[in-house]
Amino acid sequence: MNNKSQPKHKLAVIGDSLSQGFNNGGIYRTDLNFPALLADCWEPAPPFDQPRFTAQAGIPLNLEVLLRGLSDRYGESIEWDEYLPALSHLYSTLRRVKRYWEGGLKPLDQPDQTTPYHNQSVWGFAMNDAWMVTDRLSRRFIKTQPETYSIFDMLPDHAMYVTASLVLNPSFNEQFAHATQIDNIRHLQEKGGIENLIVTMGHNNIIGAVSDLKFVFSREEDLDEFPSRRKYTVYRPEHFEQEYRKLAEKVSDIGAERIITQTIPYVTIPPVTRGVNADKSREGHTGYFDYYTRFWVWDDDFNPDKHPHLTKDEAITLDQHVDEYNVIIREIADEYGWLVVPLNRYLSGFARRRLGGKLRIPFPDDFVAAMNKHPMTSHLFEDRKNPRFSTDYLRINRDTGKVYKGGIFSLDGIHPTSIGYGLIAHVYKQAMEKHGVTFDKPLNWKRIIANDTLVTDPPYLLVELRNLLRFLSLGRQEKLSVVGNGLLNQLMNIFSARSSSS
């Protein structure tokens, strides 16, 4: 370290989709991820380099932008006699996006980025990818696995590997061709030192269970396999401990001044799955549902013999495993002197469906004040201090075109909205301040809310949510399906631990 009293790099990140800022099905506005929002709370804002994936509105897919295009053409709903032209429009849009990202790796719009980014997050990465995946290996995989162009597969086949290459080696420099996330962060440490290093890994070691709706335990061989060869959706707790300990050893060896990690949220809270009871009842329900199926399957349509699902027992087991993971994280973090942000406890306090409509944790006062002042969010209050924000899937009022439910999770059902990332930044900032980190100014909630266009200016097609989700999830058996396997089905496959890499 060149200057022990004042490291050159104020903030750096090793992480996955949560710290990269993934939402609405893709990585796009990285300037609105929670680490960037934290960096803005220092004065002057420190250099915080990270890639921008603005081409084609992001990778692999930006559902919000896609729906805006459809809304411009078809208004509030897509009628049955409009399905064919709408699907044709959808097909041509997806084909353009796919061809762009699979037409050979192109540098992003930051040609002068010759050193590693401060934010080394890559969506889809599991813990061991932090020391296994490189630009060279990603390119090799892309080259040896031919792309699939058909009406049944219209999302980029190798989106995670394309993203990995562009994050790990943005200048295509041979010096960093074999560098992993950890190697790149170590390079920054050697070139001036790192004051705060955020580590957000482990979510993709269990998220596949809800995105794929399959419960498949990890095997010992998965720990050393390249991502495309792994078959699990749920890491056994003993495997999680083995990998997290290895991650902690490698990260601590870098020598950053302060390391901050977090607990993993319950994967049964995000609306990527929809809870359904066997008797289709919902009134007064709290706790766990009998089944968890796709978020586009409504209660009265659900058939356990037809629709993929997890059972109540599997959902409970998933949450129990997350509890075990978080005990492991806290114990190992304590051994190494890391700061642990209680993200799971914080998010669980907003899960209205599970809590019977009540909140356990209040929203930040500055956030509440900014919500009251914005014309598209000022109506979202039960009373003066309690916004009607929740972990439900986003719902829009037909008459006003405004949000009346949800707001924390984006259209992919897994990742936060920009406001959701602001709330994550808030709990990080609170925890860091509690442990002696000084910030110069509060989160800029006015900017965060104004830039969350999904909440402040939602696509009008969302007023007919049930029909819209049916349209986007059409399967091969549907006569009118031009997108074959269903856009939402394809997107969930990309998110799954197994298919995100294959």
Protein backbone atom coordinates (compact mmCIF):
# COMPACT_ATOMS: atom_id res chain seq x y z
CA MET A 1 0.00 0.00 0.00
CA ASN A 2 1.40 3.37 -1.04
CA ASN A 3 -0.32 5.41 1.67
CA LYS A 4 -1.61 3.47 4.65
CA SER A 5 -3.43 6.42 6.15
CA GLN A 6 -5.42 7.15 3.00
CA PRO A 7 -5.85 4.34 0.47
CA LYS A 8 -6.23 5.46 -3.11
CA HIS A 9 -9.38 3.42 -3.77
CA LYS A 10 -12.27 4.41 -1.50
CA LEU A 11 -14.60 1.59 -2.60
CA ALA A 12 -14.28 -1.67 -4.52
CA VAL A 13 -16.64 -4.62 -4.99
CA ILE A 14 -16.49 -8.37 -5.59
CA GLY A 15 -20.01 -9.52 -6.29
CA ASP A 16 -22.85 -10.83 -8.39
CA SER A 17 -26.05 -9.38 -9.86
CA LEU A 18 -27.09 -7.67 -6.63
CA SER A 19 -24.00 -5.44 -6.51
CA GLN A 20 -23.86 -5.06 -10.30
CA GLY A 21 -27.36 -3.57 -10.36
CA PHE A 22 -29.27 -6.14 -12.42
CA ASN A 23 -33.01 -5.47 -12.77
CA ASN A 24 -35.93 -5.97 -15.16
CA GLY A 25 -34.14 -8.94 -16.71
CA GLY A 26 -30.80 -7.36 -17.51
CA ILE A 27 -27.82 -5.27 -16.52
CA TYR A 28 -28.22 -1.71 -17.80
CA ARG A 29 -28.06 1.29 -15.40
CA THR A 30 -25.03 0.36 -13.31
CA ASP A 31 -24.90 3.94 -12.03
CA LEU A 32 -27.98 3.08 -9.96
CA ASN A 33 -26.60 0.00 -8.22
CA PHE A 34 -26.24 0.22 -4.46
CA PRO A 35 -22.40 0.56 -4.38
CA ALA A 36 -22.62 3.54 -6.77
CA LEU A 37 -25.31 5.12 -4.59
CA LEU A 38 -23.04 4.68 -1.57
CA ALA A 39 -20.08 6.23 -3.40
CA ASP A 40 -22.22 9.31 -4.08
CA CYS A 41 -22.55 9.85 -0.32
CA TRP A 42 -18.90 10.88 -0.06
CA GLU A 43 -17.84 14.43 -0.90
CA PRO A 44 -16.25 14.70 -3.31
CA ALA A 45 -17.51 11.44 -4.81
CA PRO A 46 -14.48 9.12 -5.18
CA PRO A 47 -13.58 7.46 -8.47
CA PHE A 48 -15.74 4.35 -8.80
CA ASP A 49 -15.16 2.77 -12.19
CA GLN A 50 -17.67 0.23 -13.47
CA PRO A 51 -18.91 -0.86 -16.89
CA ARG A 52 -21.99 0.62 -18.55
CA PHE A 53 -24.15 -1.81 -20.53
CA THR A 54 -26.28 0.73 -22.35
CA ALA A 55 -26.14 -0.86 -25.82
CA GLN A 56 -29.45 -2.48 -26.78
CA ALA A 57 -30.77 -1.39 -23.36
CA GLY A 58 -28.65 -3.98 -21.59
CA ILE A 59 -27.91 -7.70 -21.49
CA PRO A 60 -29.54 -10.20 -21.69
CA LEU A 61 -32.89 -8.38 -21.81
CA ASN A 62 -34.53 -5.24 -20.46
CA LEU A 63 -38.20 -6.11 -19.88
CA GLU A 64 -39.10 -2.52 -19.03
CA VAL A 65 -37.79 -1.18 -22.34
CA LEU A 66 -39.40 -4.09 -24.19
CA LEU A 67 -42.80 -3.39 -22.64
CA ARG A 68 -42.53 0.32 -23.40
CA GLY A 69 -42.10 -0.54 -27.07
CA LEU A 70 -45.15 -2.81 -26.96
CA SER A 71 -47.15 -0.20 -25.02
CA ASP A 72 -46.40 2.42 -27.66
CA ARG A 73 -47.87 0.09 -30.30
CA TYR A 74 -50.76 -1.61 -28.50
CA GLY A 75 -51.79 0.62 -25.60
CA GLU A 76 -53.04 -0.93 -22.38
CA SER A 77 -53.58 -4.48 -23.66
CA ILE A 78 -52.72 -6.88 -26.45
CA GLU A 79 -55.91 -8.38 -27.82
CA TRP A 80 -56.07 -11.89 -29.27
CA ASP A 81 -56.25 -10.58 -32.83
CA GLU A 82 -53.05 -8.58 -32.14
CA TYR A 83 -51.00 -11.51 -30.85
CA LEU A 84 -49.37 -12.36 -34.17
CA PRO A 85 -48.16 -8.83 -35.01
CA ALA A 86 -47.15 -8.29 -31.37
CA LEU A 87 -45.18 -11.52 -31.31
CA SER A 88 -43.57 -10.60 -34.61
CA HIS A 89 -42.47 -7.27 -33.10
CA LEU A 90 -41.19 -9.10 -30.03
CA TYR A 91 -39.29 -11.59 -32.19
CA SER A 92 -37.58 -8.90 -34.28
CA THR A 93 -36.57 -6.95 -31.15
CA LEU A 94 -35.12 -10.00 -29.43
CA ARG A 95 -33.36 -11.07 -32.60
CA ARG A 96 -31.65 -7.67 -32.83
CA VAL A 97 -30.55 -7.80 -29.18
CA LYS A 98 -29.28 -11.37 -29.52
CA ARG A 99 -27.32 -10.65 -32.69
CA TYR A 100 -25.69 -7.61 -31.12
CA TRP A 101 -24.40 -9.39 -28.03
CA GLU A 102 -23.48 -12.60 -29.86
CA GLY A 103 -21.95 -10.96 -32.88
CA GLY A 104 -18.46 -11.07 -31.44
CA LEU A 105 -17.30 -9.38 -28.26
CA LYS A 106 -17.34 -5.61 -28.62
CA PRO A 107 -15.71 -3.18 -26.21
CA LEU A 108 -18.13 -1.08 -24.16
CA ASP A 109 -18.28 2.69 -24.49
CA GLN A 110 -15.29 3.11 -22.17
CA PRO A 111 -12.27 2.57 -24.45
CA ASP A 112 -9.88 4.25 -22.01
CA GLN A 113 -10.56 1.72 -19.23
CA THR A 114 -7.12 0.08 -19.18
CA THR A 115 -7.15 -0.92 -15.50
CA PRO A 116 -9.66 -3.13 -13.64
CA TYR A 117 -12.99 -1.66 -12.65
CA HIS A 118 -13.61 -0.88 -9.00
CA ASN A 119 -16.85 -2.85 -9.32
CA GLN A 120 -15.95 -6.43 -10.25
CA SER A 121 -19.52 -7.73 -10.01
CA VAL A 122 -20.82 -10.19 -12.60
CA TRP A 123 -24.41 -11.38 -12.57
CA GLY A 124 -24.84 -15.15 -12.36
CA PHE A 125 -21.56 -15.71 -10.51
CA ALA A 126 -21.50 -18.22 -7.67
CA MET A 127 -18.85 -18.01 -4.95
CA ASN A 128 -16.21 -20.13 -6.65
CA ASP A 129 -16.49 -18.11 -9.86
CA ALA A 130 -14.67 -15.32 -8.01
CA TRP A 131 -11.45 -17.34 -8.36
CA MET A 132 -12.28 -19.60 -11.31
CA VAL A 133 -13.75 -17.57 -14.20
CA THR A 134 -11.55 -15.37 -16.39
CA ASP A 135 -11.91 -13.43 -19.62
CA ARG A 136 -9.89 -16.09 -21.47
CA LEU A 137 -12.04 -18.96 -20.20
CA SER A 138 -15.23 -17.02 -20.94
CA ARG A 139 -14.13 -16.36 -24.51
CA ARG A 140 -13.18 -20.00 -24.95
CA PHE A 141 -16.62 -21.09 -23.83
CA ILE A 142 -18.35 -18.62 -26.16
CA LYS A 143 -16.20 -19.75 -29.09
CA THR A 144 -16.70 -23.49 -28.55
CA GLN A 145 -20.44 -23.35 -27.83
CA PRO A 146 -22.24 -22.23 -30.99
CA GLU A 147 -25.09 -19.77 -30.62
CA THR A 148 -28.64 -20.97 -31.16
CA TYR A 149 -30.74 -18.87 -33.52
CA SER A 150 -34.31 -20.08 -33.69
CA ILE A 151 -37.82 -18.94 -32.85
CA PHE A 152 -37.53 -21.14 -29.77
CA ASP A 153 -34.43 -19.48 -28.32
CA MET A 154 -34.25 -15.72 -28.68
CA LEU A 155 -32.17 -14.63 -25.70
CA PRO A 156 -28.36 -14.43 -25.84
CA ASP A 157 -27.02 -17.94 -25.18
CA HIS A 158 -23.83 -16.86 -23.44
CA ALA A 159 -24.95 -13.63 -21.81
CA MET A 160 -23.23 -14.27 -18.48
CA TYR A 161 -19.92 -15.09 -20.17
CA VAL A 162 -20.14 -12.02 -22.41
CA THR A 163 -20.74 -9.92 -19.31
CA ALA A 164 -17.86 -11.62 -17.49
CA SER A 165 -15.39 -10.86 -20.26
CA LEU A 166 -16.40 -7.22 -20.46
CA VAL A 167 -16.12 -6.79 -16.69
CA LEU A 168 -12.93 -8.75 -16.09
CA ASN A 169 -10.96 -7.42 -19.06
CA PRO A 170 -12.67 -4.36 -20.61
CA SER A 171 -9.66 -3.28 -22.68
CA PHE A 172 -9.05 -6.82 -24.02
CA ASN A 173 -5.55 -6.49 -22.60
CA GLU A 174 -3.48 -9.66 -22.47
CA GLN A 175 -2.29 -8.57 -19.02
CA PHE A 176 -5.76 -9.26 -17.60
CA ALA A 177 -6.86 -12.11 -19.88
CA HIS A 178 -6.33 -14.67 -17.12
CA ALA A 179 -7.46 -12.45 -14.24
CA THR A 180 -10.38 -13.37 -11.98
CA GLN A 181 -12.45 -11.00 -9.86
CA ILE A 182 -10.09 -11.56 -6.95
CA ASP A 183 -7.00 -11.02 -9.15
CA ASN A 184 -8.37 -7.69 -10.38
CA ILE A 185 -9.19 -6.47 -6.88
CA ARG A 186 -5.73 -7.50 -5.73
CA HIS A 187 -4.30 -5.41 -8.59
CA LEU A 188 -6.17 -2.34 -7.27
CA GLN A 189 -4.87 -3.03 -3.77
CA GLU A 190 -1.32 -3.17 -5.09
CA LYS A 191 -1.90 0.09 -7.00
CA GLY A 192 -2.76 2.32 -4.08
CA GLY A 193 -4.76 0.29 -1.58
CA ILE A 194 -8.49 -0.21 -0.96
CA GLU A 195 -10.30 1.38 1.97
CA ASN A 196 -13.70 -0.37 1.71
CA LEU A 197 -14.17 -3.69 -0.08
CA ILE A 198 -17.74 -4.99 -0.44
CA VAL A 199 -18.19 -8.74 -1.02
CA THR A 200 -21.66 -9.92 -2.10
CA MET A 201 -21.48 -13.58 -3.08
CA GLY A 202 -23.55 -16.67 -2.35
CA HIS A 203 -26.98 -15.73 -3.75
CA ASN A 204 -26.45 -17.78 -6.90
CA ASN A 205 -25.67 -20.83 -4.82
CA ILE A 206 -29.40 -21.15 -4.06
CA ILE A 207 -31.40 -18.79 -6.31
CA GLY A 208 -31.70 -21.48 -9.01
CA ALA A 209 -34.19 -23.33 -6.84
CA VAL A 210 -36.80 -20.59 -7.29
CA SER A 211 -35.91 -19.52 -10.83
CA ASP A 212 -35.78 -23.13 -12.08
CA LEU A 213 -38.39 -24.47 -9.61
CA LYS A 214 -36.24 -27.50 -8.95
CA PHE A 215 -34.59 -28.67 -5.74
CA VAL A 216 -31.27 -30.26 -6.67
CA PHE A 217 -28.53 -30.45 -4.05
CA SER A 218 -24.89 -29.67 -4.90
CA ARG A 219 -22.39 -32.49 -5.27
CA GLU A 220 -18.76 -32.44 -4.23
CA GLU A 221 -17.67 -32.25 -7.86
CA ASP A 222 -19.72 -29.05 -8.40
CA LEU A 223 -17.22 -27.19 -6.24
CA ASP A 224 -14.49 -27.52 -8.87
CA GLU A 225 -16.61 -27.60 -12.04
CA PHE A 226 -16.75 -24.77 -14.57
CA PRO A 227 -20.17 -23.04 -14.34
CA SER A 228 -21.62 -24.71 -17.44
CA ARG A 229 -21.08 -28.17 -15.95
CA ARG A 230 -22.75 -27.63 -12.59
CA LYS A 231 -26.11 -29.28 -12.00
CA TYR A 232 -27.23 -28.00 -8.60
CA THR A 233 -29.87 -25.46 -7.66
CA VAL A 234 -29.21 -25.58 -3.90
CA TYR A 235 -25.83 -25.68 -2.16
CA ARG A 236 -25.59 -28.08 0.74
CA PRO A 237 -24.72 -26.09 3.87
CA GLU A 238 -21.46 -28.00 4.28
CA HIS A 239 -20.50 -27.06 0.71
CA PHE A 240 -21.49 -23.46 1.36
CA GLU A 241 -19.22 -23.34 4.40
CA GLN A 242 -16.35 -24.90 2.48
CA GLU A 243 -16.64 -22.38 -0.37
CA TYR A 244 -17.32 -19.33 1.80
CA ARG A 245 -14.28 -20.11 3.91
CA LYS A 246 -12.16 -20.34 0.78
CA LEU A 247 -13.64 -17.03 -0.44
CA ALA A 248 -12.89 -15.39 2.91
CA GLU A 249 -9.29 -16.61 2.89
CA LYS A 250 -8.67 -15.32 -0.63
CA VAL A 251 -10.39 -11.98 -0.06
CA SER A 252 -8.75 -11.33 3.31
CA ASP A 253 -5.37 -12.10 1.80
CA ILE A 254 -5.84 -9.11 -0.54
CA GLY A 255 -5.28 -6.76 2.39
CA ALA A 256 -8.08 -4.20 2.01
CA GLU A 257 -8.48 -1.93 5.02
CA ARG A 258 -12.13 -2.86 5.65
CA ILE A 259 -14.23 -5.71 4.23
CA ILE A 260 -18.03 -5.56 4.23
CA THR A 261 -20.30 -8.50 3.44
CA GLN A 262 -24.00 -9.23 3.97
CA THR A 263 -26.47 -11.91 4.91
CA ILE A 264 -28.35 -13.63 2.09
CA PRO A 265 -32.09 -12.83 1.79
CA TYR A 266 -34.65 -15.64 1.79
CA VAL A 267 -35.23 -16.71 -1.81
CA THR A 268 -38.91 -17.35 -1.08
CA ILE A 269 -39.57 -13.62 -0.57
CA PRO A 270 -38.98 -12.20 -4.10
CA PRO A 271 -42.09 -12.51 -6.32
CA VAL A 272 -40.26 -14.72 -8.84
CA THR A 273 -42.49 -17.43 -7.36
CA ARG A 274 -46.18 -17.11 -6.62
CA GLY A 275 -47.53 -18.81 -3.51
CA VAL A 276 -50.74 -20.79 -4.02
CA ASN A 277 -52.76 -22.79 -1.50
CA ALA A 278 -54.31 -26.13 -2.40
CA ASP A 279 -57.82 -24.73 -1.82
CA LYS A 280 -56.91 -21.53 -3.74
CA SER A 281 -57.69 -19.46 -0.63
CA ARG A 282 -55.76 -16.29 0.14
CA GLU A 283 -57.75 -14.22 2.60
CA GLY A 284 -55.99 -13.77 5.92
CA HIS A 285 -53.09 -15.96 4.87
CA THR A 286 -49.73 -15.66 6.58
CA GLY A 287 -46.59 -17.77 6.52
CA TYR A 288 -45.97 -20.36 3.82
CA PHE A 289 -48.18 -21.46 0.93
CA ASP A 290 -48.85 -25.05 -0.12
CA TYR A 291 -47.14 -24.53 -3.49
CA TYR A 292 -44.79 -22.03 -5.14
CA THR A 293 -45.16 -21.73 -8.91
CA ARG A 294 -44.32 -19.26 -11.70
CA PHE A 295 -45.30 -15.67 -11.00
CA TRP A 296 -47.37 -15.58 -14.19
CA VAL A 297 -49.60 -18.48 -13.07
CA TRP A 298 -52.70 -17.14 -11.29
CA ASP A 299 -54.28 -18.99 -8.36
CA ASP A 300 -57.36 -20.21 -10.24
CA ASP A 301 -55.22 -21.46 -13.16
CA PHE A 302 -52.70 -23.38 -11.08
CA ASN A 303 -52.62 -27.15 -11.42
CA PRO A 304 -49.86 -29.01 -9.55
CA ASP A 305 -50.01 -31.78 -12.14
CA LYS A 306 -49.36 -29.30 -14.95
CA HIS A 307 -47.33 -26.39 -13.63
CA PRO A 308 -43.77 -26.60 -12.27
CA HIS A 309 -43.67 -25.83 -8.56
CA LEU A 310 -41.97 -26.19 -5.22
CA THR A 311 -43.86 -27.56 -2.24
CA LYS A 312 -44.33 -25.89 1.12
CA ASP A 313 -41.82 -28.29 2.67
CA GLU A 314 -39.25 -27.42 -0.01
CA ALA A 315 -39.82 -23.68 0.53
CA ILE A 316 -39.36 -24.08 4.26
CA THR A 317 -36.20 -26.11 3.68
CA LEU A 318 -34.83 -23.38 1.40
CA ASP A 319 -35.33 -20.78 4.10
CA GLN A 320 -33.74 -23.07 6.68
CA HIS A 321 -30.70 -23.44 4.40
CA VAL A 322 -30.48 -19.66 4.03
CA ASP A 323 -30.52 -19.43 7.83
CA GLU A 324 -27.63 -21.91 7.94
CA TYR A 325 -25.76 -19.97 5.25
CA ASN A 326 -26.15 -16.77 7.23
CA VAL A 327 -24.85 -18.38 10.42
CA ILE A 328 -21.82 -19.50 8.41
CA ILE A 329 -21.33 -16.00 6.97
CA ARG A 330 -21.48 -14.38 10.39
CA GLU A 331 -19.12 -16.90 12.01
CA ILE A 332 -16.49 -16.68 9.26
CA ALA A 333 -16.84 -12.90 8.99
CA ASP A 334 -16.30 -12.66 12.74
CA GLU A 335 -13.13 -14.75 12.44
CA TYR A 336 -11.72 -12.36 9.83
CA GLY A 337 -13.04 -9.14 11.34
CA TRP A 338 -15.46 -8.39 8.49
CA LEU A 339 -18.52 -6.17 8.86
CA VAL A 340 -21.81 -7.99 8.16
CA VAL A 341 -24.81 -6.04 6.81
CA PRO A 342 -28.12 -7.65 7.98
CA LEU A 343 -29.79 -7.59 4.57
CA ASN A 344 -31.92 -10.68 5.18
CA ARG A 345 -33.48 -9.25 8.35
CA TYR A 346 -34.09 -5.93 6.60
CA LEU A 347 -35.77 -7.39 3.49
CA SER A 348 -37.83 -9.84 5.56
CA GLY A 349 -39.33 -6.85 7.36
CA PHE A 350 -40.93 -5.68 4.09
CA ALA A 351 -42.47 -9.05 3.10
CA ARG A 352 -46.12 -8.02 3.56
CA ARG A 353 -47.62 -11.27 2.22
CA ARG A 354 -45.64 -13.34 4.69
CA LEU A 355 -46.27 -10.87 7.53
CA GLY A 356 -50.01 -10.67 7.01
CA GLY A 357 -49.88 -7.20 5.46
CA LYS A 358 -47.81 -5.60 8.22
CA LEU A 359 -44.28 -4.16 8.15
CA ARG A 360 -41.71 -5.05 10.78
CA ILE A 361 -39.13 -2.45 9.75
CA PRO A 362 -39.92 1.23 9.02
CA PHE A 363 -38.81 2.88 5.81
CA PRO A 364 -36.06 5.55 6.07
CA ASP A 365 -37.38 9.01 6.95
CA ASP A 366 -35.57 10.69 4.02
CA PHE A 367 -37.07 8.11 1.64
CA VAL A 368 -40.57 8.71 3.01
CA ALA A 369 -40.16 12.48 2.61
CA ALA A 370 -38.94 12.12 -1.00
CA MET A 371 -41.81 9.73 -1.82
CA ASN A 372 -44.31 12.28 -0.49
CA LYS A 373 -42.88 14.97 -2.75
CA HIS A 374 -42.89 13.00 -6.03
CA PRO A 375 -46.19 13.27 -7.94
CA MET A 376 -46.07 9.63 -9.09
CA THR A 377 -45.40 8.21 -5.62
CA SER A 378 -47.12 10.62 -3.22
CA HIS A 379 -50.29 8.48 -3.32
CA LEU A 380 -48.43 5.39 -2.09
CA PHE A 381 -49.07 5.84 1.62
CA GLU A 382 -51.22 4.04 4.17
CA ASP A 383 -50.59 6.94 6.51
CA ARG A 384 -48.09 9.79 6.72
CA LYS A 385 -45.10 7.57 7.54
CA ASN A 386 -45.84 4.25 5.85
CA PRO A 387 -45.51 3.89 2.07
CA ARG A 388 -47.44 1.01 0.49
CA PHE A 389 -44.24 -0.44 -0.89
CA SER A 390 -43.86 -4.20 -0.60
CA THR A 391 -42.13 -7.28 -1.97
CA ASP A 392 -45.18 -8.16 -4.11
CA TYR A 393 -45.01 -8.15 -7.90
CA LEU A 394 -45.58 -4.66 -9.31
CA ARG A 395 -49.24 -3.77 -9.94
CA ILE A 396 -50.63 -0.73 -11.77
CA ASN A 397 -54.00 0.99 -11.31
CA ARG A 398 -55.99 1.04 -14.55
CA ASP A 399 -57.54 4.46 -13.98
CA THR A 400 -54.45 6.36 -12.84
CA GLY A 401 -51.62 4.38 -14.47
CA LYS A 402 -49.81 4.54 -11.12
CA VAL A 403 -48.29 1.82 -8.97
CA TYR A 404 -50.48 0.58 -6.12
CA LYS A 405 -48.61 -2.58 -5.05
CA GLY A 406 -45.00 -3.78 -5.05
CA GLY A 407 -42.20 -1.37 -5.92
CA ILE A 408 -39.24 -3.15 -4.32
CA PHE A 409 -38.71 -5.87 -6.96
CA SER A 410 -38.43 -5.29 -10.69
CA LEU A 411 -40.19 -7.06 -13.56
CA ASP A 412 -37.95 -10.14 -13.50
CA GLY A 413 -39.29 -10.94 -10.03
CA ILE A 414 -35.83 -11.55 -8.56
CA HIS A 415 -33.86 -8.31 -8.65
CA PRO A 416 -34.68 -4.96 -7.01
CA THR A 417 -36.02 -1.84 -8.65
CA SER A 418 -33.80 1.25 -8.49
CA ILE A 419 -35.70 2.22 -5.34
CA GLY A 420 -35.02 -1.29 -4.02
CA TYR A 421 -31.31 -0.76 -4.60
CA GLY A 422 -31.61 2.54 -2.76
CA LEU A 423 -33.04 0.69 0.25
CA ILE A 424 -30.12 -1.75 0.10
CA ALA A 425 -27.72 1.21 0.00
CA HIS A 426 -29.52 2.59 3.08
CA VAL A 427 -29.01 -0.55 5.16
CA TYR A 428 -25.37 -0.77 4.03
CA LYS A 429 -24.81 2.87 4.94
CA GLN A 430 -26.40 2.38 8.36
CA ALA A 431 -24.24 -0.65 9.13
CA MET A 432 -21.05 1.00 7.86
CA GLU A 433 -21.69 4.16 9.89
CA LYS A 434 -22.31 2.04 12.97
CA HIS A 435 -18.83 0.57 12.50
CA GLY A 436 -17.03 3.87 12.07
CA VAL A 437 -17.30 4.68 8.36
CA THR A 438 -17.98 8.37 7.80
CA PHE A 439 -20.14 9.62 4.94
CA ASP A 440 -20.44 13.27 3.98
CA LYS A 441 -24.05 13.42 2.84
CA PRO A 442 -27.25 11.34 2.81
CA LEU A 443 -28.53 9.18 0.00
CA ASN A 444 -29.99 11.26 -2.81
CA TRP A 445 -33.52 9.86 -2.65
CA LYS A 446 -34.87 12.51 -5.01
CA ARG A 447 -32.51 11.29 -7.74
CA ILE A 448 -33.09 7.60 -6.95
CA ILE A 449 -36.88 7.91 -7.14
CA ALA A 450 -36.80 10.11 -10.25
CA ASN A 451 -34.60 7.56 -12.04
CA ASP A 452 -36.81 4.60 -11.13
CA THR A 453 -38.96 4.91 -14.25
CA LEU A 454 -40.58 1.52 -13.62
CA VAL A 455 -42.23 2.98 -10.51
CA THR A 456 -42.63 6.62 -11.51
CA ASP A 457 -43.63 6.04 -15.14
CA PRO A 458 -44.63 2.37 -15.53
CA PRO A 459 -45.41 0.92 -18.99
CA TYR A 460 -49.17 1.06 -19.37
CA LEU A 461 -49.37 -2.57 -20.49
CA LEU A 462 -48.86 -3.49 -16.83
CA VAL A 463 -52.48 -2.54 -16.05
CA GLU A 464 -53.49 -5.84 -17.69
CA LEU A 465 -50.82 -7.79 -15.83
CA ARG A 466 -52.45 -11.21 -16.07
CA ASN A 467 -52.90 -11.06 -19.85
CA LEU A 468 -49.47 -9.51 -20.32
CA LEU A 469 -47.68 -12.25 -18.37
CA ARG A 470 -49.66 -14.90 -20.26
CA PHE A 471 -48.54 -13.34 -23.54
CA LEU A 472 -44.88 -13.27 -22.47
CA SER A 473 -44.96 -16.85 -21.17
CA LEU A 474 -46.61 -18.60 -24.13
CA GLY A 475 -45.16 -22.09 -24.58
CA ARG A 476 -44.48 -24.19 -27.63
CA GLN A 477 -47.90 -25.80 -27.37
CA GLU A 478 -49.60 -22.46 -28.04
CA LYS A 479 -50.65 -22.02 -31.65
CA LEU A 480 -49.70 -18.36 -31.80
CA SER A 481 -46.36 -18.65 -30.07
CA VAL A 482 -43.69 -17.14 -32.27
CA VAL A 483 -41.29 -16.95 -29.34
CA GLY A 484 -41.60 -20.69 -28.84
CA ASN A 485 -40.46 -21.62 -25.37
CA GLY A 486 -41.91 -18.45 -23.86
CA LEU A 487 -39.88 -15.34 -23.14
CA LEU A 488 -40.37 -15.52 -19.38
CA ASN A 489 -39.51 -19.22 -19.32
CA GLN A 490 -36.28 -18.47 -21.18
CA LEU A 491 -35.47 -15.65 -18.78
CA MET A 492 -35.98 -17.89 -15.75
CA ASN A 493 -33.65 -20.45 -17.33
CA ILE A 494 -30.97 -17.79 -17.61
CA PHE A 495 -31.36 -16.94 -13.93
CA SER A 496 -31.16 -20.56 -12.76
CA ALA A 497 -27.87 -21.73 -11.29
CA ARG A 498 -27.52 -24.37 -13.96
CA SER A 499 -28.81 -22.61 -17.08
CA SER A 500 -27.40 -19.16 -16.44
CA SER A 501 -24.13 -20.50 -17.70
CA SER A 502 -25.13 -22.89 -20.43
